[in-house]
C-alpha atoms as a PDB file:
ATOM      1  CA  MET A   1       0.329  -0.217  -0.196  1.00  0.00           C
ATOM      2  CA  HIS A   2       1.308   3.369  -0.842  1.00  0.00           C
ATOM      3  CA  ASP A   3       1.397   6.611   1.211  1.00  0.00           C
ATOM      4  CA  LYS A   4      -0.771   9.252   1.183  1.00  0.00           C
ATOM      5  CA  GLU A   5       0.251  12.355  -0.277  1.00  0.00           C
ATOM      6  CA  ILE A   6      -0.736  15.209   1.285  1.00  0.00           C
ATOM      7  CA  TYR A   7       1.215  18.182  -0.232  1.00  0.00           C
ATOM      8  CA  THR A   8       3.915  18.123  -3.151  1.00  0.00           C
ATOM      9  CA  GLY A   9       6.311  20.937  -3.723  1.00  0.00           C
ATOM     10  CA  ARG A  10       8.918  21.153  -6.753  1.00  0.00           C
ATOM     11  CA  LEU A  11      11.615  23.412  -7.223  1.00  0.00           C
ATOM     12  CA  ASN A  12      13.628  23.092 -10.467  1.00  0.00           C
ATOM     13  CA  LEU A  13      17.266  24.594 -10.218  1.00  0.00           C
ATOM     14  CA  GLY A  14      19.093  23.882 -13.447  1.00  0.00           C
ATOM     15  CA  SER A  15      20.152  20.223 -14.051  1.00  0.00           C
ATOM     16  CA  ARG A  16      18.731  19.497 -10.191  1.00  0.00           C
ATOM     17  CA  THR A  17      15.101  19.245  -9.350  1.00  0.00           C
ATOM     18  CA  PHE A  18      13.969  19.095  -5.636  1.00  0.00           C
ATOM     19  CA  PHE A  19      10.461  17.177  -4.564  1.00  0.00           C
ATOM     20  CA  LEU A  20       9.240  18.244  -1.221  1.00  0.00           C
ATOM     21  CA  ASP A  21       6.390  16.090   0.245  1.00  0.00           C
ATOM     22  CA  VAL A  22       4.304  15.725   2.942  1.00  0.00           C
ATOM     23  CA  LYS A  23       2.762  12.337   3.106  1.00  0.00           C
ATOM     24  CA  GLN A  24       0.742  10.204   5.602  1.00  0.00           C
ATOM     25  CA  THR A  25       1.570   6.358   6.094  1.00  0.00           C
ATOM     26  CA  TRP A  26      -1.392   3.848   6.014  1.00  0.00           C
ATOM     27  CA  ASP A  27      -1.396   3.853   9.936  1.00  0.00           C
ATOM     28  CA  GLY A  28      -2.055   7.911  10.151  1.00  0.00           C
ATOM     29  CA  ARG A  29       1.593   9.092  10.976  1.00  0.00           C
ATOM     30  CA  HIS A  30       3.075  12.107   8.964  1.00  0.00           C
ATOM     31  CA  TYR A  31       6.456  12.689   7.147  1.00  0.00           C
ATOM     32  CA  ILE A  32       8.345  14.958   5.289  1.00  0.00           C
ATOM     33  CA  LYS A  33      10.223  13.253   2.223  1.00  0.00           C
ATOM     34  CA  ILE A  34      12.857  15.507   0.454  1.00  0.00           C
ATOM     35  CA  ALA A  35      14.067  13.880  -2.849  1.00  0.00           C
ATOM     36  CA  SER A  36      16.459  15.207  -5.467  1.00  0.00           C
ATOM     37  CA  SER A  37      17.006  14.274  -9.338  1.00  0.00           C
ATOM     38  CA  ASP A  38      20.396  15.210 -10.793  1.00  0.00           C
ATOM     39  CA  LYS A  39      20.811  15.027 -14.193  1.00  0.00           C
ATOM     40  CA  VAL A  40      24.219  13.116 -15.322  1.00  0.00           C
ATOM     41  CA  ALA A  41      25.377  12.291 -18.129  1.00  0.00           C
ATOM     42  CA  ASN A  42      24.110   8.670 -18.771  1.00  0.00           C
ATOM     43  CA  GLY A  43      20.805   9.706 -16.883  1.00  0.00           C
ATOM     44  CA  TYR A  44      19.383  10.695 -13.396  1.00  0.00           C
ATOM     45  CA  VAL A  45      20.867  10.109  -9.941  1.00  0.00           C
ATOM     46  CA  HIS A  46      18.187  10.050  -7.273  1.00  0.00           C
ATOM     47  CA  ASN A  47      18.701  10.938  -3.585  1.00  0.00           C
ATOM     48  CA  ARG A  48      15.811  11.021  -0.453  1.00  0.00           C
ATOM     49  CA  ILE A  49      15.868  11.898   2.921  1.00  0.00           C
ATOM     50  CA  VAL A  50      12.856  11.493   5.574  1.00  0.00           C
ATOM     51  CA  ILE A  51      12.099  13.682   8.157  1.00  0.00           C
ATOM     52  CA  HIS A  52       9.425  11.940  10.731  1.00  0.00           C
ATOM     53  CA  SER A  53       6.630  14.742  12.154  1.00  0.00           C
ATOM     54  CA  ARG A  54       8.025  13.987  15.575  1.00  0.00           C
ATOM     55  CA  ASP A  55      12.006  15.557  14.405  1.00  0.00           C
ATOM     56  CA  VAL A  56      10.610  18.809  12.043  1.00  0.00           C
ATOM     57  CA  GLU A  57      10.877  21.204  14.468  1.00  0.00           C
ATOM     58  CA  MET A  58      14.307  20.070  15.643  1.00  0.00           C
ATOM     59  CA  PHE A  59      15.368  19.528  11.723  1.00  0.00           C
ATOM     60  CA  LYS A  60      13.955  23.315  10.909  1.00  0.00           C
ATOM     61  CA  GLN A  61      15.842  24.670  13.637  1.00  0.00           C
ATOM     62  CA  GLU A  62      18.783  23.318  12.760  1.00  0.00           C
ATOM     63  CA  LEU A  63      18.247  24.171   9.222  1.00  0.00           C
ATOM     64  CA  ASP A  64      17.491  27.645   9.962  1.00  0.00           C
ATOM     65  CA  ARG A  65      20.896  27.758  12.132  1.00  0.00           C
ATOM     66  CA  VAL A  66      22.707  26.631   8.976  1.00  0.00           C
ATOM     67  CA  ILE A  67      21.007  29.141   6.664  1.00  0.00           C
ATOM     68  CA  PHE A  68      22.131  31.917   8.873  1.00  0.00           C
ATOM     69  CA  GLU A  69      25.606  30.680   9.109  1.00  0.00           C
ATOM     70  CA  LEU A  70      25.745  30.549   5.318  1.00  0.00           C
ATOM     71  CA  LYS A  71      24.287  33.645   4.993  1.00  0.00           C
ATOM     72  CA  LYS A  72      26.945  35.248   7.548  1.00  0.00           C
ATOM     73  CA  ALA A  73      29.892  33.485   5.556  1.00  0.00           C
ATOM     74  CA  ILE A  74      28.962  34.899   2.360  1.00  0.00           C
ATOM     75  CA  LYS A  75      28.426  38.501   3.913  1.00  0.00           C
ATOM     76  CA  ASN A  76      31.933  37.969   5.750  1.00  0.00           C
ATOM     77  CA  LYS A  77      33.716  36.692   2.421  1.00  0.00           C
ATOM     78  CA  PRO A  78      36.758  38.629   1.679  1.00  0.00           C
ATOM     79  CA  LYS A  79      36.664  40.598  -1.308  1.00  0.00           C
ATOM     80  CA  ALA A  80      39.242  39.376  -4.156  1.00  0.00           C
ATOM     81  CA  LYS A  81      42.501  41.333  -4.733  1.00  0.00           C
ATOM     82  CA  PRO A  82      42.421  42.918  -7.988  1.00  0.00           C
ATOM     83  CA  THR A  83      44.973  41.704 -10.221  1.00  0.00           C
ATOM     84  CA  SER A  84      47.897  43.661 -11.410  1.00  0.00           C
ATOM     85  CA  ARG A  85      49.235  43.208 -15.263  1.00  0.00           C
END
């Protein structure tokens, strides 16, 4: 028996596509499935992660921290020195 699809989002980023799904198991449990599909020379490479509903808030908190650190690193990135000829 297949899990029930509650919501599906899709994000196309060049040769990579992300699918973000909310699903429900046959016994009523909910989870998020994030899948990526990368186009490669001989087809596609697929990856998946599953986040159970009990873990969603902790996952979101850590993802927010990671995004914050990424933005901070980009903002503080040293500027490249001009090359002299």
